[in-house]
Protein backbone atom coordinates (compact mmCIF):
# COMPACT_ATOMS: atom_id res chain seq x y z
CA MET A 1 -36.75 7.26 3.06
CA ARG A 2 -37.38 3.55 3.10
CA CYS A 3 -36.38 2.47 6.77
CA LYS A 4 -33.30 4.82 6.93
CA GLN A 5 -33.63 5.42 10.64
CA ALA A 6 -34.33 1.85 11.26
CA TRP A 7 -31.14 0.98 9.20
CA ILE A 8 -28.76 3.61 11.01
CA SER A 9 -30.02 2.02 14.21
CA ILE A 10 -28.99 -1.37 12.92
CA ILE A 11 -25.33 -0.22 12.04
CA ALA A 12 -25.18 1.06 15.45
CA LEU A 13 -25.83 -1.92 16.94
CA ILE A 14 -23.18 -3.97 14.67
CA PHE A 15 -20.50 -1.67 15.76
CA VAL A 16 -20.95 -1.12 19.52
CA SER A 17 -23.56 -3.70 20.72
CA ALA A 18 -22.91 -7.08 22.36
CA CYS A 19 -23.98 -10.00 20.30
CA ASN A 20 -26.92 -12.14 21.45
CA GLY A 21 -26.37 -15.90 20.76
CA ALA A 22 -29.82 -16.69 22.59
CA ASP A 23 -31.03 -18.18 19.29
CA SER A 24 -27.92 -20.38 18.76
CA PRO A 25 -27.54 -24.15 19.25
CA GLY A 26 -25.48 -25.08 21.91
CA ARG A 27 -21.85 -25.72 21.13
CA GLU A 28 -21.42 -28.64 18.69
CA THR A 29 -19.47 -31.63 19.73
CA GLY A 30 -16.39 -32.53 18.51
CA ASN A 31 -17.56 -35.22 16.29
CA GLU A 32 -19.69 -32.81 14.25
CA VAL A 33 -16.40 -30.58 13.16
CA GLY A 34 -14.37 -33.71 13.22
CA GLY A 35 -12.33 -33.32 16.37
CA VAL A 36 -12.59 -29.85 17.79
CA PRO A 37 -9.48 -29.82 20.26
CA ALA A 38 -10.60 -30.16 23.89
CA ALA A 39 -11.01 -26.91 25.90
CA LYS A 40 -8.01 -26.24 27.96
CA LYS A 41 -8.63 -24.29 31.25
CA ASP A 42 -5.63 -22.63 31.81
CA PRO A 43 -5.62 -19.01 31.43
CA VAL A 44 -4.05 -17.53 28.39
CA GLU A 45 -3.83 -14.32 26.61
CA LEU A 46 -4.24 -14.52 22.74
CA THR A 47 -3.18 -11.42 20.41
CA VAL A 48 -5.53 -11.08 17.20
CA TYR A 49 -4.37 -8.63 14.71
CA ASN A 50 -7.07 -7.61 11.99
CA VAL A 51 -6.10 -6.29 8.70
CA ASP A 52 -9.45 -4.47 8.09
CA LYS A 53 -8.71 -2.43 11.25
CA HIS A 54 -11.83 -2.34 12.23
CA PRO A 55 -12.69 -0.88 15.60
CA GLU A 56 -12.60 -3.14 18.88
CA GLU A 57 -16.39 -2.87 19.27
CA ARG A 58 -17.04 -4.12 15.75
CA PHE A 59 -14.31 -7.19 16.44
CA MET A 60 -16.15 -7.97 19.54
CA VAL A 61 -19.46 -8.27 18.12
CA GLU A 62 -18.43 -10.41 15.31
CA TYR A 63 -15.98 -12.77 17.08
CA GLY A 64 -14.85 -11.37 20.40
CA ASN A 65 -17.89 -11.74 22.58
CA LYS A 66 -17.87 -15.35 21.25
CA ILE A 67 -14.59 -16.21 22.51
CA LYS A 68 -15.35 -14.82 25.72
CA GLU A 69 -18.61 -16.76 25.84
CA LYS A 70 -17.20 -20.20 24.72
CA PHE A 71 -13.68 -19.81 26.23
CA PRO A 72 -14.17 -17.86 29.28
CA HIS A 73 -10.16 -18.65 30.21
CA VAL A 74 -8.97 -16.99 26.96
CA THR A 75 -8.34 -13.18 27.20
CA VAL A 76 -7.89 -11.80 23.66
CA LYS A 77 -5.90 -8.55 22.87
CA TYR A 78 -7.05 -6.86 19.82
CA VAL A 79 -4.54 -5.12 17.77
CA THR A 80 -4.56 -2.90 14.52
CA GLY A 81 -2.64 -0.45 12.78
CA ASP A 82 0.70 -0.61 10.99
CA LEU A 83 1.62 -4.49 11.10
CA ALA A 84 5.42 -3.61 10.40
CA ALA A 85 5.79 -1.16 13.10
CA LEU A 86 4.20 -4.03 15.54
CA VAL A 87 6.32 -6.39 14.30
CA THR A 88 9.45 -4.05 14.74
CA SER A 89 8.13 -3.39 18.48
CA GLY A 90 8.08 -6.76 19.26
CA VAL A 91 4.36 -7.83 19.63
CA GLU A 92 3.86 -11.64 19.47
CA ILE A 93 0.71 -12.08 17.29
CA ASP A 94 -1.48 -15.35 17.99
CA LEU A 95 -3.78 -15.01 15.09
CA ILE A 96 -4.13 -12.75 11.85
CA LEU A 97 -7.64 -12.26 10.19
CA THR A 98 -7.51 -11.21 6.60
CA SER A 99 -8.90 -11.66 3.23
CA ILE A 100 -7.30 -13.97 0.96
CA GLY A 101 -6.36 -11.03 -1.10
CA LEU A 102 -4.31 -9.53 1.62
CA THR A 103 -2.54 -12.51 2.68
CA ASN A 104 0.35 -11.95 0.97
CA SER A 105 1.24 -8.69 2.58
CA ALA A 106 0.16 -9.48 6.11
CA VAL A 107 0.86 -13.01 6.37
CA LEU A 108 3.94 -14.36 4.06
CA LYS A 109 5.62 -11.12 4.01
CA TYR A 110 6.49 -11.70 7.56
CA ASN A 111 6.91 -15.56 7.48
CA PHE A 112 4.19 -15.98 9.72
CA GLN A 113 2.48 -18.80 7.98
CA TYR A 114 2.36 -22.03 9.88
CA ASP A 115 1.00 -25.12 8.29
CA LEU A 116 -1.94 -26.32 10.38
CA SER A 117 -1.74 -29.75 8.72
CA ASP A 118 -0.35 -31.76 12.03
CA LEU A 119 -2.93 -30.20 14.07
CA ILE A 120 -5.53 -31.00 11.40
CA LYS A 121 -4.69 -34.44 11.68
CA LYS A 122 -4.08 -34.67 15.38
CA TYR A 123 -7.68 -33.83 16.01
CA ASN A 124 -9.21 -35.09 12.98
CA TYR A 125 -10.51 -31.96 11.91
CA ASN A 126 -12.84 -32.29 9.10
CA THR A 127 -12.20 -29.82 6.13
CA SER A 128 -15.05 -31.48 4.09
CA ARG A 129 -17.67 -29.53 5.96
CA LEU A 130 -16.04 -26.69 4.43
CA GLU A 131 -16.78 -24.64 1.05
CA PRO A 132 -14.70 -26.33 -1.38
CA SER A 133 -12.99 -23.41 -2.93
CA THR A 134 -12.13 -21.74 0.32
CA VAL A 135 -10.04 -25.08 1.06
CA ALA A 136 -8.90 -25.36 -2.45
CA ILE A 137 -7.07 -21.59 -2.00
CA GLN A 138 -5.43 -23.01 1.21
CA LYS A 139 -4.22 -26.07 -0.31
CA GLU A 140 -2.49 -23.88 -3.40
CA LEU A 141 -1.13 -21.35 -0.92
CA ALA A 142 0.41 -23.94 1.42
CA GLY A 143 1.47 -26.26 -1.13
CA GLY A 144 -0.89 -28.97 -0.02
CA GLY A 145 -1.17 -27.96 3.43
CA MET A 146 -3.42 -25.26 5.18
CA TYR A 147 -2.26 -22.13 6.61
CA GLY A 148 -5.23 -20.76 7.73
CA LEU A 149 -9.22 -21.66 8.24
CA PRO A 150 -11.96 -19.61 6.60
CA VAL A 151 -14.30 -18.03 8.59
CA ARG A 152 -16.88 -16.08 6.03
CA THR A 153 -16.79 -15.39 2.55
CA SER A 154 -18.30 -13.08 -0.45
CA THR A 155 -18.64 -12.92 -4.18
CA MET A 156 -20.20 -10.68 -6.59
CA ALA A 157 -23.56 -10.06 -7.69
CA LEU A 158 -26.01 -8.06 -9.57
CA PHE A 159 -28.15 -5.40 -7.65
CA TYR A 160 -30.96 -3.46 -9.50
CA ASN A 161 -33.14 -0.72 -8.91
CA ARG A 162 -36.57 -1.98 -9.43
CA ASP A 163 -38.11 1.61 -9.91
CA ILE A 164 -35.77 2.10 -13.10
CA PHE A 165 -37.04 -0.99 -14.54
CA ASP A 166 -40.53 -0.20 -13.86
CA LYS A 167 -40.40 3.53 -14.91
CA PHE A 168 -39.10 2.24 -18.54
CA ALA A 169 -41.38 -0.97 -18.68
CA VAL A 170 -38.41 -3.12 -18.96
CA PRO A 171 -38.34 -6.83 -17.15
CA TYR A 172 -36.17 -7.37 -14.16
CA PRO A 173 -32.92 -9.21 -14.56
CA ALA A 174 -33.45 -12.96 -14.10
CA GLU A 175 -31.37 -15.89 -12.67
CA GLY A 176 -29.76 -17.73 -15.28
CA MET A 177 -29.32 -14.63 -17.78
CA THR A 178 -26.40 -14.82 -19.93
CA TRP A 179 -24.02 -11.68 -20.38
CA ASP A 180 -25.46 -11.45 -23.70
CA GLU A 181 -29.34 -11.10 -22.35
CA LEU A 182 -27.87 -8.45 -19.91
CA TYR A 183 -26.56 -6.35 -22.54
CA GLU A 184 -29.77 -6.24 -24.28
CA LEU A 185 -31.47 -5.06 -20.91
CA SER A 186 -28.58 -2.59 -20.40
CA ARG A 187 -29.22 -1.17 -23.78
CA LYS A 188 -32.79 -0.44 -23.13
CA LEU A 189 -31.89 1.45 -20.08
CA THR A 190 -29.03 3.32 -21.16
CA ARG A 191 -31.29 6.47 -22.21
CA ILE A 192 -32.13 10.12 -21.34
CA ASP A 193 -35.55 11.01 -19.95
CA ALA A 194 -36.72 14.18 -18.69
CA GLY A 195 -33.15 15.28 -18.82
CA VAL A 196 -31.71 12.54 -16.79
CA GLN A 197 -29.02 10.19 -18.30
CA TYR A 198 -29.19 6.54 -16.89
CA TYR A 199 -26.80 3.91 -17.02
CA GLY A 200 -28.24 0.53 -17.75
CA TYR A 201 -24.91 -1.42 -15.79
CA ILE A 202 -22.12 -0.14 -14.04
CA MET A 203 -19.67 -2.19 -12.15
CA SER A 204 -16.25 -1.75 -9.97
CA PRO A 205 -13.86 -3.25 -12.70
CA GLY A 206 -11.16 -4.29 -10.14
CA HIS A 207 -13.65 -6.70 -8.18
CA MET A 208 -15.18 -7.90 -11.51
CA LEU A 209 -11.43 -8.90 -12.69
CA SER A 210 -10.63 -10.58 -9.45
CA HIS A 211 -13.81 -12.48 -9.22
CA ASN A 212 -14.00 -13.55 -12.72
CA GLN A 213 -16.29 -16.34 -13.38
CA LEU A 214 -13.90 -17.79 -16.05
CA SER A 215 -11.29 -17.72 -13.42
CA LEU A 216 -8.39 -16.14 -15.71
CA PRO A 217 -5.56 -14.64 -14.05
CA ALA A 218 -3.93 -11.51 -14.95
CA ILE A 219 -0.61 -12.82 -13.95
CA HIS A 220 0.97 -16.40 -13.75
CA ALA A 221 1.12 -17.08 -9.84
CA LYS A 222 4.49 -19.25 -9.98
CA THR A 223 6.41 -17.25 -12.62
CA ASN A 224 4.90 -13.97 -12.50
CA GLU A 225 4.65 -13.86 -16.02
CA ILE A 226 1.87 -11.29 -17.50
CA VAL A 227 -0.67 -13.26 -18.98
CA PHE A 228 -3.80 -10.75 -19.53
CA THR A 229 -2.79 -10.18 -23.09
CA SER A 230 -4.52 -13.75 -24.20
CA ASP A 231 -7.15 -13.92 -26.64
CA LYS A 232 -9.40 -15.61 -23.71
CA TYR A 233 -8.69 -12.86 -21.34
CA ALA A 234 -8.98 -10.29 -24.04
CA GLY A 235 -12.79 -11.59 -24.58
CA LEU A 236 -13.37 -11.40 -20.73
CA VAL A 237 -12.36 -7.54 -20.99
CA LYS A 238 -14.33 -6.85 -24.20
CA ASN A 239 -17.48 -8.48 -22.57
CA TRP A 240 -17.59 -5.92 -19.89
CA LEU A 241 -16.56 -3.13 -22.15
CA ARG A 242 -19.21 -3.07 -24.81
CA PHE A 243 -21.80 -2.16 -21.76
CA PHE A 244 -19.91 1.25 -21.68
CA GLN A 245 -19.78 1.73 -25.39
CA LEU A 246 -23.46 1.98 -25.77
CA PRO A 247 -24.43 5.59 -26.53
CA GLY A 248 -24.73 7.50 -23.44
CA MET A 249 -22.34 5.73 -21.55
CA GLU A 250 -19.54 8.04 -22.45
CA THR A 251 -20.86 10.59 -20.09
CA TYR A 252 -20.17 8.46 -16.99
CA LYS A 253 -16.67 9.38 -16.65
CA ASP A 254 -15.72 7.43 -13.86
CA ALA A 255 -16.63 3.95 -15.29
CA MET A 256 -13.42 2.61 -14.76
CA SER A 257 -12.85 4.09 -11.55
CA THR A 258 -11.53 1.82 -8.81
CA ASN A 259 -13.34 4.32 -6.15
CA THR A 260 -16.41 2.16 -5.37
CA ALA A 261 -18.10 5.07 -3.38
CA ILE A 262 -18.56 6.60 -7.01
CA HIS A 263 -20.48 3.82 -8.22
CA LYS A 264 -22.34 3.24 -5.44
CA ALA A 265 -23.33 6.72 -5.33
CA ALA A 266 -24.69 6.09 -8.85
CA PHE A 267 -26.90 3.61 -7.75
CA THR A 268 -28.19 4.85 -4.12
CA LYS A 269 -27.82 8.64 -4.30
CA THR A 270 -28.30 10.05 -7.79
CA GLN A 271 -30.31 6.55 -8.44
CA ASN A 272 -29.38 7.04 -12.27
CA ALA A 273 -27.59 3.42 -12.50
CA ALA A 274 -30.24 0.71 -13.10
CA MET A 275 -27.77 -2.33 -12.30
CA PHE A 276 -24.66 -2.22 -10.17
CA ALA A 277 -22.28 -5.45 -9.99
CA PHE A 278 -20.78 -5.42 -6.45
CA SER A 279 -20.08 -7.35 -3.39
CA THR A 280 -22.57 -9.81 -1.80
CA VAL A 281 -21.85 -8.06 1.71
CA TRP A 282 -22.80 -4.73 0.56
CA ARG A 283 -25.24 -3.29 2.88
CA ASP A 284 -24.66 0.50 3.29
CA ALA A 285 -27.45 2.47 4.82
CA GLU A 286 -28.14 4.42 1.69
CA MET A 287 -29.28 1.23 0.30
CA SER A 288 -32.48 1.72 2.26
CA ASP A 289 -33.32 4.66 -0.05
CA VAL A 290 -33.51 2.26 -2.96
CA ASN A 291 -36.31 0.01 -4.38
CA TRP A 292 -33.69 -2.40 -4.94
CA ASP A 293 -33.08 -6.43 -5.26
CA VAL A 294 -30.40 -8.50 -6.29
CA VAL A 295 -29.99 -11.27 -8.68
CA PRO A 296 -26.70 -13.73 -9.54
CA LEU A 297 -24.41 -12.31 -11.97
CA PRO A 298 -25.31 -13.61 -15.24
CA SER A 299 -23.09 -16.58 -16.66
CA PHE A 300 -20.92 -16.69 -19.73
CA LYS A 301 -21.92 -19.20 -22.74
CA GLU A 302 -18.57 -21.24 -22.22
CA ALA A 303 -19.50 -21.54 -18.09
CA LYS A 304 -23.34 -21.76 -17.82
CA GLY A 305 -24.25 -21.28 -14.45
CA VAL A 306 -20.91 -20.82 -12.84
CA GLY A 307 -20.70 -18.33 -10.33
CA PRO A 308 -17.99 -16.03 -9.80
CA GLN A 309 -14.97 -16.87 -7.72
CA SER A 310 -15.44 -16.78 -3.61
CA TYR A 311 -13.30 -14.33 -1.64
CA PRO A 312 -12.74 -15.66 1.48
CA ALA A 313 -11.29 -14.39 4.89
CA TYR A 314 -9.06 -16.33 6.90
CA PHE A 315 -8.09 -16.40 10.73
CA TYR A 316 -4.21 -17.63 10.20
CA LEU A 317 -2.39 -19.24 13.15
CA THR A 318 0.90 -17.48 13.30
CA SER A 319 4.52 -19.47 13.43
CA GLN A 320 5.36 -17.21 16.65
CA SER A 321 2.51 -18.16 18.48
CA LYS A 322 3.35 -20.02 21.74
CA HIS A 323 -0.07 -21.17 22.30
CA LYS A 324 -0.86 -23.11 19.15
CA GLU A 325 -3.44 -25.56 20.25
CA GLN A 326 -5.49 -22.86 21.85
CA ALA A 327 -5.58 -20.70 18.99
CA PHE A 328 -6.49 -23.73 16.92
CA GLU A 329 -9.45 -24.57 19.36
CA ILE A 330 -10.83 -20.90 18.83
CA MET A 331 -10.05 -21.23 15.02
CA SER A 332 -11.93 -24.62 14.86
CA TYR A 333 -14.72 -23.08 16.97
CA PHE A 334 -15.47 -20.15 13.91
CA THR A 335 -16.01 -23.06 11.27
CA THR A 336 -18.57 -24.82 13.64
CA ASP A 337 -22.04 -24.68 12.48
CA GLU A 338 -23.01 -22.71 15.73
CA PHE A 339 -20.70 -20.00 14.85
CA GLN A 340 -21.59 -19.86 11.12
CA LEU A 341 -25.08 -19.84 11.79
CA PHE A 342 -24.49 -16.88 14.14
CA THR A 343 -22.77 -14.85 11.39
CA SER A 344 -25.22 -16.26 8.34
CA ARG A 345 -28.02 -14.58 10.46
CA MET A 346 -25.75 -11.51 10.17
CA GLY A 347 -25.85 -11.76 6.58
CA LEU A 348 -22.32 -12.88 6.09
CA PRO A 349 -21.97 -15.64 3.52
CA PRO A 350 -21.04 -18.81 5.61
CA ILE A 351 -18.22 -21.10 4.52
CA VAL A 352 -19.94 -24.36 5.76
CA THR A 353 -21.94 -26.32 3.36
CA THR A 354 -24.83 -27.08 5.94
CA PRO A 355 -28.37 -26.60 4.50
CA ASP A 356 -29.92 -25.18 7.98
CA VAL A 357 -27.16 -22.86 8.01
CA LEU A 358 -27.31 -21.51 4.55
CA LYS A 359 -31.33 -21.03 4.60
CA GLU A 360 -30.92 -18.88 7.77
CA PHE A 361 -28.60 -16.10 5.68
CA GLY A 362 -30.06 -12.70 6.70
CA LYS A 363 -32.84 -13.72 8.81
CA GLY A 364 -31.31 -12.50 12.24
CA SER A 365 -33.53 -9.90 13.97
CA GLU A 366 -31.04 -6.89 12.95
CA TYR A 367 -31.39 -7.63 9.19
CA ALA A 368 -34.91 -8.90 8.97
CA GLU A 369 -36.38 -5.41 7.78
CA PHE A 370 -33.05 -4.73 5.59
CA TYR A 371 -33.46 -8.21 3.52
CA LYS A 372 -37.14 -7.98 3.79
CA GLY A 373 -38.39 -9.25 0.37
CA LYS A 374 -35.01 -9.47 -1.44
CA ASN A 375 -33.75 -12.72 -3.13
CA LEU A 376 -31.49 -13.73 -0.56
CA LYS A 377 -30.34 -16.86 -2.22
CA ALA A 378 -28.69 -14.60 -5.01
CA LEU A 379 -26.16 -13.78 -2.32
CA VAL A 380 -25.13 -17.14 -1.83
CA PRO A 381 -24.03 -18.94 -4.81
CA ALA A 382 -24.92 -22.77 -5.50
CA SER A 383 -21.13 -22.73 -6.99
CA TYR A 384 -18.19 -20.71 -7.05
CA ALA A 385 -15.63 -20.49 -9.97
CA PRO A 386 -12.21 -22.05 -9.15
CA ALA A 387 -10.23 -19.32 -7.38
CA ILE A 388 -7.22 -17.52 -9.07
CA PRO A 389 -4.35 -18.14 -6.82
CA LYS A 390 -3.34 -14.27 -5.32
CA THR A 391 0.00 -13.46 -5.19
CA GLU A 392 1.82 -9.99 -4.31
CA TYR A 393 1.46 -8.98 -7.82
CA THR A 394 -1.97 -9.91 -8.73
CA SER A 395 -3.47 -6.41 -7.43
CA ILE A 396 -0.69 -4.64 -9.38
CA ALA A 397 -1.34 -6.65 -12.86
CA GLU A 398 -5.35 -6.32 -12.49
CA LYS A 399 -4.55 -2.50 -12.17
CA HIS A 400 -3.00 -2.16 -15.45
CA VAL A 401 -5.73 -4.24 -16.97
CA VAL A 402 -8.08 -1.74 -15.73
CA ALA A 403 -6.19 1.01 -17.43
CA ALA A 404 -6.19 -0.49 -20.59
CA MET A 405 -10.15 -0.64 -20.44
CA LYS A 406 -9.63 2.92 -19.44
CA GLU A 407 -7.66 3.70 -22.41
CA THR A 408 -9.93 2.17 -24.57
CA LEU A 409 -13.08 3.71 -23.44
CA PHE A 410 -11.79 7.21 -23.47
CA ALA A 411 -8.95 7.45 -25.63
CA ASN A 412 -10.53 5.16 -28.32
CA LYS A 413 -7.51 2.78 -28.15
CA ASP A 414 -7.63 -0.50 -29.53
CA ILE A 415 -8.43 -3.15 -26.66
CA ASN A 416 -5.63 -5.58 -27.50
CA SER A 417 -2.89 -2.47 -27.99
CA ALA A 418 -3.82 -1.49 -24.72
CA LEU A 419 -3.44 -4.77 -22.96
CA ARG A 420 -0.24 -5.31 -24.71
CA ASP A 421 0.62 -1.52 -23.70
CA SER A 422 -0.42 -2.29 -20.06
CA ALA A 423 1.51 -5.56 -19.79
CA GLU A 424 4.76 -3.91 -20.54
CA ALA A 425 3.82 -1.25 -17.80
CA ALA A 426 2.99 -4.05 -15.19
CA LYS A 427 6.11 -5.91 -16.22
CA LYS A 428 8.21 -2.94 -15.36
CA GLU A 429 6.38 -2.10 -12.01
CA ILE A 430 6.91 -5.56 -10.88
CA GLU A 431 10.51 -5.63 -11.88
CA SER A 432 11.12 -2.28 -9.92
CA ILE A 433 9.81 -4.17 -6.96
CA GLN A 434 11.53 -7.07 -7.04
CA VAL A 435 15.27 -5.40 -7.33
CA LYS A 436 14.56 -3.11 -3.89
């Protein structure tokens, strides 16, 4: 098994070891960042809530140890668990770490949002250093302001199994391909050999919808109108459905499952999926058993060269924090080249546009073996599609789109009819939530 034991050791290191910043440059000056607040020396405790509920050991490796190193006067109280219960119990939270997809349920729902505009202006914080779509998302969310600063991002890429391509003498997928060209590759690879059914292309449908390169929303962000019945959206869905309508694909009964573990297993365990579209931060231990590589997702003819949408994570300064300047100081540090170089080497796509940070992606000692020989530039797209505004109902709408896709594949329902019926179901579900 390729590097399996080594990779298991890597996972252990990530979750339980202290991070080593020896390879990082000294802390940046305020000029580089555009005015990071001057370090305050008074002892202070900041409470950080992580929506992902990662164990504290992991948080310390990724963020906490850096806070201790750079801000020794700051004590971090790390909390996870049920946010509603924490709020009810009176816990005062200073910073919230969450993805853009969960911002509504973890920040806006509790009125934790706090516009950073005054702090950004006061300290001349330079947002132009940040990946533009991560800023645009916040501008949309905060009506021109910013509630959070990005710390990392991810998107979608196309992972492929070299051995399956070699077995059937099919050329590897290439950067710059269109979806039509990928379809032809998938058609050649969806076949039976020695009693084994191979699948050319599989995907996580929910991820593909939320990251779609055409930036088509399933629901209108301001009116909550269901908009996935449009011709353009139907075309987006049809593009992916055709891959699963190839002869032989009907045996992949979990094609439209939102359980990503099923799709991962087809690629890593049974290894009968030649290509798998999934997150750029995917790095499970089982991947080391596969002779894999990665290329960017193919592009649409009408959006040539446009990558999928960015899916960033942010630190949010809460409205209830009594230590806003100290918290903003730490948030600002997480966007410096120094810290972003640290995370980039860890294989987490950076949110700064600094070339020296981008070129170090995945080159940290912990990941050198895992990423050796891989097409790493595919994991950090040159450009992202404009981001779709996320609302508390976005996931509901996209869930019903997946249901329509499933009806089309397994119940032979016309996709346009399926989308119309799903739109009605989505509307009813959203209305039932609104009246509560």
